[in-house]
N, C-alpha and C. Protein backbone atom coordinates (compact mmCIF):
# COMPACT_ATOMS: atom_id res chain seq x y z
N MET A 1 -21.03 -3.63 11.81
CA MET A 1 -19.73 -3.37 11.49
C MET A 1 -18.96 -3.89 12.91
N ALA A 2 -17.75 -4.75 12.46
CA ALA A 2 -16.90 -5.35 13.63
C ALA A 2 -16.22 -4.27 14.22
N ILE A 3 -15.92 -4.40 15.62
CA ILE A 3 -15.03 -3.46 16.29
C ILE A 3 -13.56 -4.26 16.44
N ALA A 4 -12.58 -3.30 16.02
CA ALA A 4 -11.43 -4.09 15.95
C ALA A 4 -10.90 -3.94 17.46
N THR A 5 -10.18 -5.07 17.89
CA THR A 5 -9.66 -5.34 19.45
C THR A 5 -8.26 -5.48 19.10
N GLN A 6 -7.67 -4.99 20.00
CA GLN A 6 -6.16 -5.27 20.12
C GLN A 6 -5.96 -6.29 21.32
N GLU A 7 -4.77 -7.24 20.93
CA GLU A 7 -4.52 -8.17 21.83
C GLU A 7 -3.27 -8.05 22.24
N ASN A 8 -2.71 -8.69 23.28
CA ASN A 8 -1.38 -8.45 23.63
C ASN A 8 -0.59 -9.61 22.73
N PHE A 9 0.49 -9.00 22.15
CA PHE A 9 1.21 -10.01 21.18
C PHE A 9 2.22 -10.71 22.26
N LYS A 10 2.24 -11.96 22.10
CA LYS A 10 3.15 -12.60 23.11
C LYS A 10 4.56 -13.06 22.60
N ASN A 11 4.74 -13.04 21.36
CA ASN A 11 5.90 -13.39 20.66
C ASN A 11 6.93 -11.95 20.35
N TYR A 12 8.12 -12.19 20.71
CA TYR A 12 8.85 -10.78 20.62
C TYR A 12 9.98 -11.16 19.51
N PRO A 13 10.40 -10.33 18.81
CA PRO A 13 11.57 -10.54 17.77
C PRO A 13 13.03 -10.55 18.81
N SER A 14 13.82 -11.17 18.04
CA SER A 14 15.15 -11.42 18.77
C SER A 14 15.95 -9.91 19.14
N ASN A 15 16.73 -10.02 20.09
CA ASN A 15 17.31 -8.95 20.73
C ASN A 15 17.88 -8.01 19.55
N GLU A 16 18.54 -8.53 18.74
CA GLU A 16 19.20 -8.02 17.65
C GLU A 16 18.24 -7.22 16.83
N VAL A 17 17.14 -7.93 16.26
CA VAL A 17 16.02 -7.14 15.75
C VAL A 17 15.47 -6.05 16.40
N LEU A 18 15.14 -6.30 17.76
CA LEU A 18 14.50 -5.47 18.61
C LEU A 18 15.41 -3.95 18.84
N VAL A 19 16.59 -4.12 19.03
CA VAL A 19 17.52 -3.20 18.96
C VAL A 19 17.50 -2.25 17.73
N LYS A 20 17.49 -2.90 16.61
CA LYS A 20 17.64 -2.07 15.34
C LYS A 20 16.10 -1.42 15.29
N ILE A 21 15.03 -2.25 15.41
CA ILE A 21 13.94 -1.55 15.50
C ILE A 21 13.68 -0.25 16.48
N ARG A 22 14.31 -0.51 17.57
CA ARG A 22 14.34 0.66 18.74
C ARG A 22 15.07 2.12 17.91
N GLN A 23 16.25 1.65 17.24
CA GLN A 23 17.14 2.62 16.62
C GLN A 23 16.26 3.37 15.62
N ILE A 24 15.50 2.44 14.79
CA ILE A 24 14.83 3.15 13.57
C ILE A 24 13.82 4.05 14.26
N ALA A 25 12.97 3.70 15.22
CA ALA A 25 11.88 4.33 15.89
C ALA A 25 12.65 5.66 16.37
N GLU A 26 13.54 5.43 17.15
CA GLU A 26 14.41 6.55 17.79
C GLU A 26 14.84 7.79 16.86
N THR A 27 15.32 7.36 15.81
CA THR A 27 15.72 8.02 14.72
C THR A 27 14.80 8.87 14.09
N GLY A 28 13.73 8.13 13.75
CA GLY A 28 12.59 8.92 12.90
C GLY A 28 11.32 9.53 14.02
N GLY A 29 11.90 9.46 15.19
CA GLY A 29 10.70 10.04 16.24
C GLY A 29 9.73 9.56 16.35
N ARG A 30 9.62 8.12 16.47
CA ARG A 30 8.30 7.50 16.22
C ARG A 30 8.43 6.41 17.28
N GLU A 31 7.19 6.02 17.88
CA GLU A 31 7.00 4.82 18.69
C GLU A 31 7.60 3.56 18.06
N VAL A 32 8.10 2.49 18.68
CA VAL A 32 8.36 1.42 18.35
C VAL A 32 7.12 0.57 17.86
N GLN A 33 5.90 0.73 18.52
CA GLN A 33 4.86 0.03 18.12
C GLN A 33 4.62 0.42 16.50
N THR A 34 4.67 1.71 16.39
CA THR A 34 4.55 2.32 15.11
C THR A 34 5.24 1.41 14.00
N VAL A 35 6.64 1.45 14.43
CA VAL A 35 7.61 1.00 13.61
C VAL A 35 7.26 -0.76 13.34
N LEU A 36 6.96 -1.38 14.34
CA LEU A 36 6.60 -2.68 14.18
C LEU A 36 5.54 -3.02 13.37
N ASP A 37 4.39 -2.18 13.12
CA ASP A 37 3.16 -2.12 12.70
C ASP A 37 3.33 -2.05 11.20
N GLU A 38 4.17 -0.89 10.76
CA GLU A 38 4.57 -0.69 9.43
C GLU A 38 5.53 -1.76 8.81
N ALA A 39 6.39 -2.46 9.51
CA ALA A 39 7.44 -3.27 9.33
C ALA A 39 6.34 -4.75 8.78
N LEU A 40 5.46 -4.95 9.74
CA LEU A 40 4.58 -6.21 9.46
C LEU A 40 3.58 -5.80 8.27
N LYS A 41 3.02 -4.71 8.11
CA LYS A 41 2.28 -4.50 6.93
C LYS A 41 3.04 -4.71 5.79
N GLU A 42 4.22 -4.14 5.67
CA GLU A 42 5.01 -4.40 4.45
C GLU A 42 5.19 -5.91 4.38
N TYR A 43 5.63 -6.65 5.36
CA TYR A 43 5.97 -8.07 4.87
C TYR A 43 4.84 -8.52 4.61
N ILE A 44 3.76 -8.48 5.12
CA ILE A 44 2.37 -9.09 4.69
C ILE A 44 2.23 -8.67 3.43
N GLU A 45 2.35 -7.35 2.92
CA GLU A 45 2.03 -7.19 1.80
C GLU A 45 2.82 -7.92 0.38
N ARG A 46 4.18 -7.86 0.95
CA ARG A 46 5.08 -8.44 -0.13
C ARG A 46 4.77 -10.11 0.07
N LYS A 47 4.27 -10.53 1.05
CA LYS A 47 3.94 -12.26 0.89
C LYS A 47 2.94 -12.32 0.34
N THR A 48 1.89 -11.67 0.48
CA THR A 48 0.34 -11.84 -0.05
C THR A 48 0.31 -11.48 -1.56
N LYS A 49 1.06 -10.43 -1.81
CA LYS A 49 1.00 -9.85 -3.11
C LYS A 49 1.96 -10.38 -4.28
N GLY A 50 2.96 -10.98 -3.69
CA GLY A 50 4.26 -11.32 -4.54
C GLY A 50 4.54 -10.32 -5.57
N ARG A 51 4.81 -9.01 -4.85
CA ARG A 51 5.54 -8.20 -5.80
C ARG A 51 6.17 -7.19 -4.47
N PRO A 52 7.03 -6.29 -5.32
CA PRO A 52 8.04 -5.46 -4.44
C PRO A 52 6.93 -4.36 -3.81
N SER A 53 7.38 -3.84 -2.93
CA SER A 53 6.65 -2.71 -1.97
C SER A 53 6.61 -1.72 -2.89
N GLN A 54 5.56 -0.64 -2.48
CA GLN A 54 5.48 0.59 -3.23
C GLN A 54 6.80 1.30 -3.11
N GLN A 55 7.51 1.40 -2.18
CA GLN A 55 8.72 2.00 -1.78
C GLN A 55 9.70 1.52 -2.82
N VAL A 56 9.84 0.49 -2.91
CA VAL A 56 10.72 0.01 -3.87
C VAL A 56 10.44 0.30 -5.24
N MET A 57 9.31 0.19 -5.68
CA MET A 57 9.10 0.65 -6.90
C MET A 57 8.98 2.09 -7.25
N ASN A 58 8.93 2.86 -6.19
CA ASN A 58 9.17 4.39 -6.49
C ASN A 58 10.77 4.64 -6.58
N ALA A 59 11.44 4.02 -5.91
CA ALA A 59 12.82 4.14 -5.88
C ALA A 59 13.35 3.68 -7.22
N PHE A 60 12.74 2.54 -7.80
CA PHE A 60 13.08 2.21 -9.05
C PHE A 60 12.56 2.87 -10.31
N ALA A 61 11.49 3.78 -10.11
CA ALA A 61 11.17 4.74 -10.98
C ALA A 61 11.83 5.86 -11.05
N GLU A 62 12.52 6.42 -9.97
CA GLU A 62 13.48 7.57 -9.86
C GLU A 62 14.64 7.09 -10.61
N SER A 63 15.36 5.96 -10.16
CA SER A 63 16.43 5.46 -10.59
C SER A 63 16.37 5.39 -12.35
N LEU A 64 15.23 5.15 -13.03
CA LEU A 64 14.93 4.89 -14.41
C LEU A 64 15.08 6.39 -14.82
N ALA A 65 14.30 7.23 -14.18
CA ALA A 65 14.38 8.66 -14.72
C ALA A 65 15.66 9.30 -14.87
N GLU A 66 16.26 9.09 -13.65
CA GLU A 66 17.66 9.63 -13.46
C GLU A 66 18.76 9.00 -14.49
N PHE A 67 18.68 7.64 -14.63
CA PHE A 67 19.93 7.10 -14.99
C PHE A 67 19.52 6.38 -16.47
N ASP A 68 18.35 6.66 -17.12
CA ASP A 68 17.57 5.76 -18.25
C ASP A 68 18.77 5.55 -19.47
N SER A 69 19.58 6.88 -19.69
CA SER A 69 20.37 6.87 -20.67
C SER A 69 21.70 6.08 -20.26
N LEU A 70 21.98 5.72 -19.25
CA LEU A 70 23.34 5.09 -18.80
C LEU A 70 23.04 3.28 -18.90
N TYR A 71 21.71 3.02 -18.79
CA TYR A 71 21.39 1.51 -18.54
C TYR A 71 21.97 0.81 -20.01
N PRO A 72 21.51 1.18 -20.87
CA PRO A 72 21.67 0.63 -22.52
C PRO A 72 23.39 0.25 -22.39
N GLU A 73 24.14 1.50 -22.01
CA GLU A 73 25.58 1.46 -21.86
C GLU A 73 26.26 0.20 -20.78
N LEU A 74 25.42 -0.09 -19.83
CA LEU A 74 25.86 -0.88 -18.68
C LEU A 74 25.41 -2.29 -19.22
N ALA A 75 24.63 -2.23 -20.13
CA ALA A 75 24.24 -3.73 -20.55
C ALA A 75 25.13 -4.13 -21.73
N LYS A 76 26.02 -3.28 -22.02
CA LYS A 76 26.88 -3.94 -23.24
C LYS A 76 27.90 -5.05 -22.76
């Protein structure tokens, strides 16, 4: 079994992105590294699977359940 190693990441996001990541981390009571890991995993999943994230699909399903009767009217 291979042992995972962590290496230093030499590339950093722009200041604008880093500020937003810090805000998200602070608001959620999480570490910046955790938010970065989650964001990168979601990005990789979208790019490699070519489909929306599970969070998007869950929101879509909730929308359908709540507004299903309205969608035919909007399509007219």
